[in-house]
C-alpha atoms as a PDB file:
ATOM      1  CA  MET A   1     -20.100 214.906 -78.131  1.00  0.00           C
ATOM      2  CA  ASP A   2     -21.485 213.026 -75.281  1.00  0.00           C
ATOM      3  CA  LYS A   3     -25.131 213.859 -75.526  1.00  0.00           C
ATOM      4  CA  VAL A   4     -25.139 212.831 -71.765  1.00  0.00           C
ATOM      5  CA  GLY A   5     -22.680 215.017 -70.397  1.00  0.00           C
ATOM      6  CA  LEU A   6     -24.753 217.876 -71.944  1.00  0.00           C
ATOM      7  CA  SER A   7     -27.921 216.786 -69.890  1.00  0.00           C
ATOM      8  CA  PHE A   8     -30.151 219.614 -68.217  1.00  0.00           C
ATOM      9  CA  ASP A   9     -29.522 217.230 -65.036  1.00  0.00           C
ATOM     10  CA  ARG A  10     -25.532 218.237 -65.305  1.00  0.00           C
ATOM     11  CA  MET A  11     -26.649 221.795 -66.613  1.00  0.00           C
ATOM     12  CA  ARG A  12     -28.570 222.266 -63.495  1.00  0.00           C
ATOM     13  CA  THR A  13     -25.962 220.898 -61.079  1.00  0.00           C
ATOM     14  CA  PHE A  14     -22.973 223.085 -62.867  1.00  0.00           C
ATOM     15  CA  VAL A  15     -25.935 226.140 -62.177  1.00  0.00           C
ATOM     16  CA  ARG A  16     -25.915 225.087 -58.462  1.00  0.00           C
ATOM     17  CA  VAL A  17     -22.277 224.990 -57.872  1.00  0.00           C
ATOM     18  CA  ALA A  18     -21.553 228.624 -59.356  1.00  0.00           C
ATOM     19  CA  GLU A  19     -24.389 229.467 -57.608  1.00  0.00           C
ATOM     20  CA  ARG A  20     -23.359 227.962 -54.601  1.00  0.00           C
ATOM     21  CA  ALA A  21     -19.624 228.319 -55.100  1.00  0.00           C
ATOM     22  CA  ASN A  22     -19.611 224.889 -52.230  1.00  0.00           C
ATOM     23  CA  LEU A  23     -19.451 221.250 -54.038  1.00  0.00           C
ATOM     24  CA  SER A  24     -20.791 219.796 -50.948  1.00  0.00           C
ATOM     25  CA  MET A  25     -23.770 222.328 -50.040  1.00  0.00           C
ATOM     26  CA  VAL A  26     -24.557 221.476 -53.611  1.00  0.00           C
ATOM     27  CA  ALA A  27     -24.396 217.692 -52.999  1.00  0.00           C
ATOM     28  CA  ARG A  28     -26.957 218.202 -49.255  1.00  0.00           C
ATOM     29  CA  GLU A  29     -29.338 220.113 -51.437  1.00  0.00           C
ATOM     30  CA  LEU A  30     -29.693 217.486 -54.308  1.00  0.00           C
ATOM     31  CA  GLY A  31     -29.508 214.827 -51.889  1.00  0.00           C
ATOM     32  CA  VAL A  32     -26.743 212.762 -53.597  1.00  0.00           C
ATOM     33  CA  GLY A  33     -23.013 212.504 -52.563  1.00  0.00           C
ATOM     34  CA  GLN A  34     -20.284 214.637 -53.155  1.00  0.00           C
ATOM     35  CA  SER A  35     -18.641 212.526 -55.957  1.00  0.00           C
ATOM     36  CA  THR A  36     -21.532 212.414 -58.002  1.00  0.00           C
ATOM     37  CA  VAL A  37     -21.549 216.171 -58.116  1.00  0.00           C
ATOM     38  CA  THR A  38     -18.060 215.851 -59.016  1.00  0.00           C
ATOM     39  CA  ARG A  39     -18.520 213.483 -61.830  1.00  0.00           C
ATOM     40  CA  HIS A  40     -21.485 215.643 -63.217  1.00  0.00           C
ATOM     41  CA  LEU A  41     -19.211 218.651 -63.594  1.00  0.00           C
ATOM     42  CA  ASN A  42     -16.606 216.436 -65.094  1.00  0.00           C
ATOM     43  CA  GLU A  43     -18.765 214.969 -67.937  1.00  0.00           C
ATOM     44  CA  LEU A  44     -19.745 218.337 -68.428  1.00  0.00           C
ATOM     45  CA  GLU A  45     -16.525 220.204 -68.946  1.00  0.00           C
ATOM     46  CA  GLU A  46     -15.681 216.923 -70.939  1.00  0.00           C
ATOM     47  CA  ALA A  47     -18.197 217.130 -72.930  1.00  0.00           C
ATOM     48  CA  VAL A  48     -17.768 221.355 -74.065  1.00  0.00           C
ATOM     49  CA  GLY A  49     -14.196 220.707 -73.997  1.00  0.00           C
ATOM     50  CA  VAL A  50     -13.112 223.453 -71.735  1.00  0.00           C
ATOM     51  CA  ALA A  51     -12.710 223.971 -67.889  1.00  0.00           C
ATOM     52  CA  LEU A  52     -15.817 225.784 -66.443  1.00  0.00           C
ATOM     53  CA  LEU A  53     -14.413 225.535 -63.210  1.00  0.00           C
ATOM     54  CA  SER A  54     -11.298 226.468 -61.188  1.00  0.00           C
ATOM     55  CA  ARG A  55     -11.522 224.033 -57.642  1.00  0.00           C
ATOM     56  CA  THR A  56      -8.976 224.295 -55.265  1.00  0.00           C
ATOM     57  CA  THR A  57      -9.508 222.582 -51.832  1.00  0.00           C
ATOM     58  CA  ARG A  58     -11.390 225.860 -50.109  1.00  0.00           C
ATOM     59  CA  ARG A  59     -13.591 227.257 -53.000  1.00  0.00           C
ATOM     60  CA  VAL A  60     -14.293 226.958 -56.039  1.00  0.00           C
ATOM     61  CA  THR A  61     -14.585 229.968 -58.994  1.00  0.00           C
ATOM     62  CA  LEU A  62     -16.066 230.132 -62.229  1.00  0.00           C
ATOM     63  CA  THR A  63     -13.440 230.497 -65.505  1.00  0.00           C
ATOM     64  CA  GLU A  64     -14.070 233.042 -68.016  1.00  0.00           C
ATOM     65  CA  GLU A  65     -15.490 230.100 -69.991  1.00  0.00           C
ATOM     66  CA  GLY A  66     -17.814 228.997 -67.198  1.00  0.00           C
ATOM     67  CA  SER A  67     -18.650 232.548 -66.694  1.00  0.00           C
ATOM     68  CA  ARG A  68     -20.082 232.738 -70.175  1.00  0.00           C
ATOM     69  CA  TYR A  69     -21.617 229.037 -70.267  1.00  0.00           C
ATOM     70  CA  TYR A  70     -23.543 229.550 -66.655  1.00  0.00           C
ATOM     71  CA  THR A  71     -24.792 233.154 -68.599  1.00  0.00           C
ATOM     72  CA  ASN A  72     -26.511 230.686 -71.234  1.00  0.00           C
ATOM     73  CA  CYS A  73     -27.519 228.111 -68.990  1.00  0.00           C
ATOM     74  CA  LEU A  74     -29.724 229.728 -67.152  1.00  0.00           C
ATOM     75  CA  GLN A  75     -31.238 230.934 -70.060  1.00  0.00           C
ATOM     76  CA  ILE A  76     -31.416 227.659 -71.643  1.00  0.00           C
ATOM     77  CA  LEU A  77     -33.190 226.099 -68.494  1.00  0.00           C
ATOM     78  CA  ARG A  78     -35.070 228.841 -68.124  1.00  0.00           C
ATOM     79  CA  LEU A  79     -36.385 228.254 -71.957  1.00  0.00           C
ATOM     80  CA  VAL A  80     -37.528 224.715 -70.590  1.00  0.00           C
ATOM     81  CA  GLU A  81     -39.079 225.501 -67.632  1.00  0.00           C
ATOM     82  CA  GLN A  82     -41.017 228.398 -69.583  1.00  0.00           C
ATOM     83  CA  ALA A  83     -42.289 225.903 -72.166  1.00  0.00           C
ATOM     84  CA  ALA A  84     -43.507 223.342 -70.052  1.00  0.00           C
ATOM     85  CA  GLU A  85     -44.942 225.686 -67.712  1.00  0.00           C
ATOM     86  CA  GLU A  86     -46.994 226.914 -70.602  1.00  0.00           C
ATOM     87  CA  ALA A  87     -48.051 223.628 -71.469  1.00  0.00           C
ATOM     88  CA  ARG A  88     -49.276 223.695 -67.909  1.00  0.00           C
ATOM     89  CA  ASP A  89     -50.746 227.427 -68.136  1.00  0.00           C
ATOM     90  CA  ALA A  90     -52.809 225.941 -71.225  1.00  0.00           C
ATOM     91  CA  ARG A  91     -54.684 222.998 -69.106  1.00  0.00           C
ATOM     92  CA  GLN A  92     -55.411 224.759 -65.312  1.00  0.00           C
ATOM     93  CA  ALA A  93     -55.296 227.491 -63.264  1.00  0.00           C
ATOM     94  CA  PRO A  94     -51.452 229.141 -63.342  1.00  0.00           C
ATOM     95  CA  ALA A  95     -49.464 227.793 -60.546  1.00  0.00           C
ATOM     96  CA  GLY A  96     -45.814 228.123 -59.864  1.00  0.00           C
ATOM     97  CA  ALA A  97     -43.492 230.500 -58.288  1.00  0.00           C
ATOM     98  CA  VAL A  98     -43.097 234.122 -59.387  1.00  0.00           C
ATOM     99  CA  ARG A  99     -39.891 236.220 -58.579  1.00  0.00           C
ATOM    100  CA  LEU A 100     -40.254 239.665 -58.022  1.00  0.00           C
ATOM    101  CA  SER A 101     -37.421 242.374 -56.805  1.00  0.00           C
ATOM    102  CA  CYS A 102     -38.595 245.262 -55.705  1.00  0.00           C
ATOM    103  CA  THR A 103     -37.025 248.623 -54.029  1.00  0.00           C
ATOM    104  CA  ALA A 104     -36.896 248.243 -50.058  1.00  0.00           C
ATOM    105  CA  ALA A 105     -39.049 250.894 -48.779  1.00  0.00           C
ATOM    106  CA  LEU A 106     -41.827 250.735 -51.545  1.00  0.00           C
ATOM    107  CA  GLY A 107     -41.913 246.530 -50.290  1.00  0.00           C
ATOM    108  CA  VAL A 108     -42.214 246.637 -46.890  1.00  0.00           C
ATOM    109  CA  MET A 109     -44.721 249.865 -47.585  1.00  0.00           C
ATOM    110  CA  HIS A 110     -47.063 248.762 -49.946  1.00  0.00           C
ATOM    111  CA  VAL A 111     -46.066 246.170 -52.315  1.00  0.00           C
ATOM    112  CA  THR A 112     -46.036 243.292 -49.947  1.00  0.00           C
ATOM    113  CA  ARG A 113     -49.725 244.119 -48.799  1.00  0.00           C
ATOM    114  CA  MET A 114     -50.427 244.270 -52.605  1.00  0.00           C
ATOM    115  CA  ILE A 115     -48.885 240.594 -52.754  1.00  0.00           C
ATOM    116  CA  PHE A 116     -51.224 239.147 -50.113  1.00  0.00           C
ATOM    117  CA  ASP A 117     -54.193 240.660 -52.424  1.00  0.00           C
ATOM    118  CA  PHE A 118     -53.248 238.839 -55.229  1.00  0.00           C
ATOM    119  CA  GLN A 119     -52.659 235.746 -53.363  1.00  0.00           C
ATOM    120  CA  ASP A 120     -55.747 235.789 -51.947  1.00  0.00           C
ATOM    121  CA  ARG A 121     -56.822 235.961 -55.600  1.00  0.00           C
ATOM    122  CA  HIS A 122     -54.221 233.181 -57.417  1.00  0.00           C
ATOM    123  CA  PRO A 123     -54.149 231.249 -54.278  1.00  0.00           C
ATOM    124  CA  ASP A 124     -51.827 228.800 -55.901  1.00  0.00           C
ATOM    125  CA  ILE A 125     -49.236 231.287 -57.210  1.00  0.00           C
ATOM    126  CA  ARG A 126     -46.290 231.510 -54.633  1.00  0.00           C
ATOM    127  CA  VAL A 127     -44.077 234.984 -54.876  1.00  0.00           C
ATOM    128  CA  ASP A 128     -40.378 234.816 -53.646  1.00  0.00           C
ATOM    129  CA  LEU A 129     -40.139 238.487 -52.800  1.00  0.00           C
ATOM    130  CA  ASN A 130     -36.323 240.298 -52.982  1.00  0.00           C
ATOM    131  CA  LEU A 131     -36.327 243.522 -51.447  1.00  0.00           C
ATOM    132  CA  THR A 132     -32.892 245.599 -52.192  1.00  0.00           C
ATOM    133  CA  ASP A 133     -31.857 248.637 -53.767  1.00  0.00           C
ATOM    134  CA  GLU A 134     -29.202 247.555 -55.684  1.00  0.00           C
ATOM    135  CA  ARG A 135     -29.823 247.087 -59.443  1.00  0.00           C
ATOM    136  CA  ILE A 136     -29.192 243.157 -59.639  1.00  0.00           C
ATOM    137  CA  ASP A 137     -28.883 241.097 -62.850  1.00  0.00           C
ATOM    138  CA  LEU A 138     -32.061 240.229 -63.339  1.00  0.00           C
ATOM    139  CA  VAL A 139     -31.319 237.076 -65.158  1.00  0.00           C
ATOM    140  CA  ARG A 140     -28.258 235.821 -63.279  1.00  0.00           C
ATOM    141  CA  GLU A 141     -29.916 236.422 -59.975  1.00  0.00           C
ATOM    142  CA  GLY A 142     -32.852 234.081 -61.128  1.00  0.00           C
ATOM    143  CA  VAL A 143     -35.816 237.178 -60.790  1.00  0.00           C
ATOM    144  CA  ASP A 144     -38.168 237.220 -63.218  1.00  0.00           C
ATOM    145  CA  VAL A 145     -39.631 240.851 -62.780  1.00  0.00           C
ATOM    146  CA  ALA A 146     -38.887 243.921 -60.728  1.00  0.00           C
ATOM    147  CA  LEU A 147     -39.976 247.097 -60.113  1.00  0.00           C
ATOM    148  CA  ARG A 148     -37.666 249.968 -60.365  1.00  0.00           C
ATOM    149  CA  LEU A 149     -38.102 253.107 -58.963  1.00  0.00           C
ATOM    150  CA  GLY A 150     -35.282 255.764 -61.450  1.00  0.00           C
ATOM    151  CA  PRO A 151     -33.904 255.910 -65.310  1.00  0.00           C
ATOM    152  CA  LEU A 152     -33.623 252.635 -66.709  1.00  0.00           C
ATOM    153  CA  ALA A 153     -30.389 251.451 -68.379  1.00  0.00           C
ATOM    154  CA  ASP A 154     -31.069 248.122 -69.035  1.00  0.00           C
ATOM    155  CA  SER A 155     -32.803 247.845 -72.521  1.00  0.00           C
ATOM    156  CA  SER A 156     -32.829 243.363 -72.721  1.00  0.00           C
ATOM    157  CA  MET A 157     -35.702 243.600 -70.474  1.00  0.00           C
ATOM    158  CA  LYS A 158     -39.117 243.906 -71.073  1.00  0.00           C
ATOM    159  CA  LEU A 159     -40.295 247.211 -69.794  1.00  0.00           C
ATOM    160  CA  HIS A 160     -43.836 247.763 -68.827  1.00  0.00           C
ATOM    161  CA  ALA A 161     -44.094 251.751 -67.321  1.00  0.00           C
ATOM    162  CA  ILE A 162     -46.592 252.713 -65.069  1.00  0.00           C
ATOM    163  CA  GLY A 163     -45.612 256.418 -64.752  1.00  0.00           C
ATOM    164  CA  GLU A 164     -43.711 258.686 -62.168  1.00  0.00           C
ATOM    165  CA  SER A 165     -43.235 259.319 -58.437  1.00  0.00           C
ATOM    166  CA  GLN A 166     -43.783 262.743 -57.314  1.00  0.00           C
ATOM    167  CA  ARG A 167     -41.490 263.823 -54.938  1.00  0.00           C
ATOM    168  CA  LEU A 168     -41.574 267.206 -52.138  1.00  0.00           C
ATOM    169  CA  LEU A 169     -39.023 268.728 -49.695  1.00  0.00           C
ATOM    170  CA  VAL A 170     -40.750 267.304 -45.896  1.00  0.00           C
ATOM    171  CA  GLY A 171     -39.691 268.469 -42.457  1.00  0.00           C
ATOM    172  CA  ALA A 172     -40.929 268.198 -39.160  1.00  0.00           C
ATOM    173  CA  PRO A 173     -42.843 271.329 -37.972  1.00  0.00           C
ATOM    174  CA  ALA A 174     -40.887 271.061 -34.919  1.00  0.00           C
ATOM    175  CA  TYR A 175     -37.590 271.216 -36.538  1.00  0.00           C
ATOM    176  CA  LEU A 176     -39.226 274.580 -38.809  1.00  0.00           C
ATOM    177  CA  SER A 177     -40.237 276.348 -36.463  1.00  0.00           C
ATOM    178  CA  ALA A 178     -36.715 275.855 -34.612  1.00  0.00           C
ATOM    179  CA  GLN A 179     -34.937 276.996 -37.427  1.00  0.00           C
ATOM    180  CA  GLY A 180     -37.257 279.102 -38.805  1.00  0.00           C
ATOM    181  CA  ARG A 181     -39.128 278.593 -42.276  1.00  0.00           C
ATOM    182  CA  PRO A 182     -37.138 278.670 -45.610  1.00  0.00           C
ATOM    183  CA  GLU A 183     -38.766 281.247 -47.992  1.00  0.00           C
ATOM    184  CA  ARG A 184     -36.754 281.109 -50.820  1.00  0.00           C
ATOM    185  CA  PRO A 185     -34.675 277.749 -52.471  1.00  0.00           C
ATOM    186  CA  ALA A 186     -31.653 279.408 -51.696  1.00  0.00           C
ATOM    187  CA  ASP A 187     -32.315 279.344 -47.741  1.00  0.00           C
ATOM    188  CA  LEU A 188     -32.431 275.528 -47.904  1.00  0.00           C
ATOM    189  CA  SER A 189     -28.602 275.202 -47.674  1.00  0.00           C
ATOM    190  CA  ARG A 190     -28.321 276.505 -44.424  1.00  0.00           C
ATOM    191  CA  TYR A 191     -30.497 273.466 -43.081  1.00  0.00           C
ATOM    192  CA  GLU A 192     -29.659 270.281 -41.856  1.00  0.00           C
ATOM    193  CA  THR A 193     -30.748 268.031 -44.663  1.00  0.00           C
ATOM    194  CA  VAL A 194     -31.063 264.131 -44.605  1.00  0.00           C
ATOM    195  CA  VAL A 195     -28.671 262.427 -47.217  1.00  0.00           C
ATOM    196  CA  MET A 196     -29.121 259.560 -48.976  1.00  0.00           C
ATOM    197  CA  SER A 197     -25.959 258.197 -49.471  1.00  0.00           C
ATOM    198  CA  ASN A 198     -26.927 255.848 -51.780  1.00  0.00           C
ATOM    199  CA  VAL A 199     -28.423 258.245 -54.453  1.00  0.00           C
ATOM    200  CA  ALA A 200     -25.979 259.799 -56.642  1.00  0.00           C
ATOM    201  CA  GLY A 201     -25.821 263.909 -55.936  1.00  0.00           C
ATOM    202  CA  SER A 202     -27.287 263.992 -52.888  1.00  0.00           C
ATOM    203  CA  ASN A 203     -24.884 266.334 -51.918  1.00  0.00           C
ATOM    204  CA  GLN A 204     -27.591 269.263 -53.294  1.00  0.00           C
ATOM    205  CA  LEU A 205     -31.274 269.739 -54.469  1.00  0.00           C
ATOM    206  CA  LEU A 206     -32.318 269.972 -57.919  1.00  0.00           C
ATOM    207  CA  LEU A 207     -35.349 271.590 -57.904  1.00  0.00           C
ATOM    208  CA  SER A 208     -37.818 272.790 -60.332  1.00  0.00           C
ATOM    209  CA  ALA A 209     -39.650 275.939 -60.101  1.00  0.00           C
ATOM    210  CA  PRO A 210     -42.892 277.473 -61.027  1.00  0.00           C
ATOM    211  CA  ASP A 211     -42.093 278.532 -64.270  1.00  0.00           C
ATOM    212  CA  GLY A 212     -40.230 275.623 -65.042  1.00  0.00           C
ATOM    213  CA  THR A 213     -36.747 276.668 -64.583  1.00  0.00           C
ATOM    214  CA  SER A 214     -34.480 274.104 -62.491  1.00  0.00           C
ATOM    215  CA  LEU A 215     -32.085 275.409 -59.529  1.00  0.00           C
ATOM    216  CA  VAL A 216     -29.349 273.811 -57.992  1.00  0.00           C
ATOM    217  CA  ILE A 217     -28.835 274.096 -53.979  1.00  0.00           C
ATOM    218  CA  PRO A 218     -25.914 272.574 -52.309  1.00  0.00           C
ATOM    219  CA  VAL A 219     -26.991 270.688 -49.171  1.00  0.00           C
ATOM    220  CA  SER A 220     -25.257 269.250 -46.216  1.00  0.00           C
ATOM    221  CA  GLY A 221     -26.392 266.942 -43.570  1.00  0.00           C
ATOM    222  CA  ARG A 222     -25.084 264.987 -40.647  1.00  0.00           C
ATOM    223  CA  LEU A 223     -26.928 262.224 -41.092  1.00  0.00           C
ATOM    224  CA  ARG A 224     -26.796 259.947 -44.112  1.00  0.00           C
ATOM    225  CA  VAL A 225     -28.872 256.924 -44.576  1.00  0.00           C
ATOM    226  CA  ASP A 226     -29.082 253.583 -47.109  1.00  0.00           C
ATOM    227  CA  HIS A 227     -32.268 253.009 -47.027  1.00  0.00           C
ATOM    228  CA  GLY A 228     -35.663 255.099 -47.664  1.00  0.00           C
ATOM    229  CA  LEU A 229     -37.532 253.407 -43.968  1.00  0.00           C
ATOM    230  CA  ALA A 230     -34.740 255.405 -42.343  1.00  0.00           C
ATOM    231  CA  ALA A 231     -34.671 258.350 -44.063  1.00  0.00           C
ATOM    232  CA  ARG A 232     -38.375 258.308 -43.413  1.00  0.00           C
ATOM    233  CA  ALA A 233     -37.694 258.078 -39.301  1.00  0.00           C
ATOM    234  CA  ALA A 234     -35.185 261.085 -39.595  1.00  0.00           C
ATOM    235  CA  LEU A 235     -37.279 263.032 -41.569  1.00  0.00           C
ATOM    236  CA  ALA A 236     -39.981 262.549 -39.047  1.00  0.00           C
ATOM    237  CA  ALA A 237     -37.959 262.649 -36.018  1.00  0.00           C
ATOM    238  CA  GLY A 238     -36.876 265.800 -37.189  1.00  0.00           C
ATOM    239  CA  ARG A 239     -33.328 265.443 -37.833  1.00  0.00           C
ATOM    240  CA  GLY A 240     -33.809 268.471 -41.099  1.00  0.00           C
ATOM    241  CA  ILE A 241     -35.363 268.621 -44.601  1.00  0.00           C
ATOM    242  CA  GLY A 242     -35.281 266.391 -47.048  1.00  0.00           C
ATOM    243  CA  PRO A 243     -36.648 265.428 -50.367  1.00  0.00           C
ATOM    244  CA  THR A 244     -39.091 262.396 -50.745  1.00  0.00           C
ATOM    245  CA  HIS A 245     -41.703 260.355 -52.438  1.00  0.00           C
ATOM    246  CA  LEU A 246     -44.849 261.181 -51.343  1.00  0.00           C
ATOM    247  CA  TRP A 247     -45.578 257.483 -50.655  1.00  0.00           C
ATOM    248  CA  LEU A 248     -42.814 257.595 -48.599  1.00  0.00           C
ATOM    249  CA  VAL A 249     -44.653 260.018 -46.241  1.00  0.00           C
ATOM    250  CA  HIS A 250     -48.221 260.954 -47.240  1.00  0.00           C
ATOM    251  CA  ASP A 251     -49.841 259.626 -43.907  1.00  0.00           C
ATOM    252  CA  LEU A 252     -47.087 261.545 -41.860  1.00  0.00           C
ATOM    253  CA  LEU A 253     -48.179 264.710 -43.912  1.00  0.00           C
ATOM    254  CA  ASP A 254     -52.104 263.494 -43.358  1.00  0.00           C
ATOM    255  CA  ASP A 255     -51.592 263.453 -39.864  1.00  0.00           C
ATOM    256  CA  GLY A 256     -49.644 266.466 -39.209  1.00  0.00           C
ATOM    257  CA  ARG A 257     -45.612 265.230 -38.411  1.00  0.00           C
ATOM    258  CA  LEU A 258     -44.463 266.024 -41.049  1.00  0.00           C
ATOM    259  CA  GLU A 259     -45.060 269.413 -43.442  1.00  0.00           C
ATOM    260  CA  VAL A 260     -44.510 270.291 -47.417  1.00  0.00           C
ATOM    261  CA  VAL A 261     -41.167 272.340 -47.608  1.00  0.00           C
ATOM    262  CA  LEU A 262     -41.703 275.461 -50.329  1.00  0.00           C
ATOM    263  CA  GLY A 263     -44.152 273.149 -51.853  1.00  0.00           C
ATOM    264  CA  ASP A 264     -43.670 275.601 -55.433  1.00  0.00           C
ATOM    265  CA  HIS A 265     -40.221 274.044 -55.402  1.00  0.00           C
ATOM    266  CA  ARG A 266     -40.353 270.609 -56.059  1.00  0.00           C
ATOM    267  CA  PRO A 267     -37.688 267.764 -56.805  1.00  0.00           C
ATOM    268  CA  SER A 268     -38.106 266.288 -60.230  1.00  0.00           C
ATOM    269  CA  PRO A 269     -40.133 262.978 -60.089  1.00  0.00           C
ATOM    270  CA  VAL A 270     -38.831 259.159 -60.931  1.00  0.00           C
ATOM    271  CA  PRO A 271     -40.188 256.912 -63.191  1.00  0.00           C
ATOM    272  CA  VAL A 272     -41.776 253.901 -62.089  1.00  0.00           C
ATOM    273  CA  SER A 273     -41.284 251.184 -64.536  1.00  0.00           C
ATOM    274  CA  LEU A 274     -41.787 247.119 -64.335  1.00  0.00           C
ATOM    275  CA  LEU A 275     -38.956 245.168 -65.799  1.00  0.00           C
ATOM    276  CA  ILE A 276     -39.556 241.600 -67.166  1.00  0.00           C
ATOM    277  CA  VAL A 277     -37.508 238.931 -68.252  1.00  0.00           C
ATOM    278  CA  PRO A 278     -38.237 238.522 -71.803  1.00  0.00           C
ATOM    279  CA  GLU A 279     -38.450 234.494 -71.581  1.00  0.00           C
ATOM    280  CA  ARG A 280     -40.815 234.684 -68.283  1.00  0.00           C
ATOM    281  CA  ALA A 281     -43.510 237.673 -70.052  1.00  0.00           C
ATOM    282  CA  ALA A 282     -45.061 234.744 -71.454  1.00  0.00           C
ATOM    283  CA  ILE A 283     -45.930 232.553 -68.740  1.00  0.00           C
ATOM    284  CA  ALA A 284     -49.902 233.166 -67.200  1.00  0.00           C
ATOM    285  CA  ARG A 285     -48.639 233.943 -63.246  1.00  0.00           C
ATOM    286  CA  VAL A 286     -45.698 236.164 -64.445  1.00  0.00           C
ATOM    287  CA  ARG A 287     -48.039 238.339 -66.865  1.00  0.00           C
ATOM    288  CA  LEU A 288     -51.162 238.187 -63.827  1.00  0.00           C
ATOM    289  CA  LEU A 289     -48.448 239.181 -61.400  1.00  0.00           C
ATOM    290  CA  VAL A 290     -47.415 242.196 -63.741  1.00  0.00           C
ATOM    291  CA  ASP A 291     -50.581 243.366 -64.608  1.00  0.00           C
ATOM    292  CA  PHE A 292     -52.170 243.342 -61.349  1.00  0.00           C
ATOM    293  CA  LEU A 293     -48.874 245.076 -59.880  1.00  0.00           C
ATOM    294  CA  ALA A 294     -49.528 247.938 -62.755  1.00  0.00           C
ATOM    295  CA  ALA A 295     -52.629 248.801 -62.017  1.00  0.00           C
ATOM    296  CA  GLU A 296     -52.374 248.849 -58.088  1.00  0.00           C
ATOM    297  CA  VAL A 297     -48.811 250.608 -57.957  1.00  0.00           C
ATOM    298  CA  ALA A 298     -50.629 253.843 -59.847  1.00  0.00           C
ATOM    299  CA  LYS A 299     -53.081 253.994 -57.052  1.00  0.00           C
ATOM    300  CA  LEU A 300     -50.682 255.029 -54.839  1.00  0.00           C
ATOM    301  CA  PRO A 301     -50.409 258.391 -52.814  1.00  0.00           C
ATOM    302  CA  GLY A 302     -48.320 260.363 -55.928  1.00  0.00           C
ATOM    303  CA  ILE A 303     -47.897 258.029 -58.260  1.00  0.00           C
ATOM    304  CA  ARG A 304     -48.900 260.083 -61.774  1.00  0.00           C
ATOM    305  CA  PRO A 305     -49.283 257.038 -65.020  1.00  0.00           C
ATOM    306  CA  SER A 306     -47.158 257.564 -67.770  1.00  0.00           C
END
């Protein structure tokens, strides 16, 4: 087997091509000619003995074998990077990049500020923050840590449970005055509800009663949004009532722009967790950020520690 063809440089070139799907773009990023990129790919395919990419004049796509090889390459290259970083960490202050993914609204309202504080303490650590409500593949997207709300299904990641995010029903005082305040859960069906289109089951409210029983209330609304900050704005503007995390609206409740509806009936709390790619967990800068975020997120309004 040609060991040169399997060198880390060839793997890195292949990974970039797989992610960019464009040979000329990768050539520009690497500062080499497109013919060099093509040669690297040909040498790698010859060494492994299978076609990894399907190339036409318009696009580059992974073959089935290439897709599996891409995932393995990511793990191998990360292990190589981790080994070098751990050796450096033992000799000097933590430095380098940490790639963090976070729920968008939580990131904008709170986590960005936390990162400012973190970098003031650790000026040599760069944080690449990705804000998205999608459940991304951490390894494929090159993410080290993800701050997640809700149940988790990815058992291959290292889990750091932070606690639960308390939720409640809220509405603007003007809207509630005009419509009349609901006196019991069954009344909620006749109110406009700000619906989260990217949340399963948002056409009904699942509430917990003081005695621990659960109630399911069908709801509807003319406004559907797919972002927590849009829901916050709609609720404050009196477009209806809706369930929300306390950390998302605590300031609006404090200054009277929103009020709690049926405070003794609440939506179920949502788990808050940090997911860490196992191979990255031992790196000092990743560990520092995970510990910092776990402590700071636990201080947010409505976060009940595990």
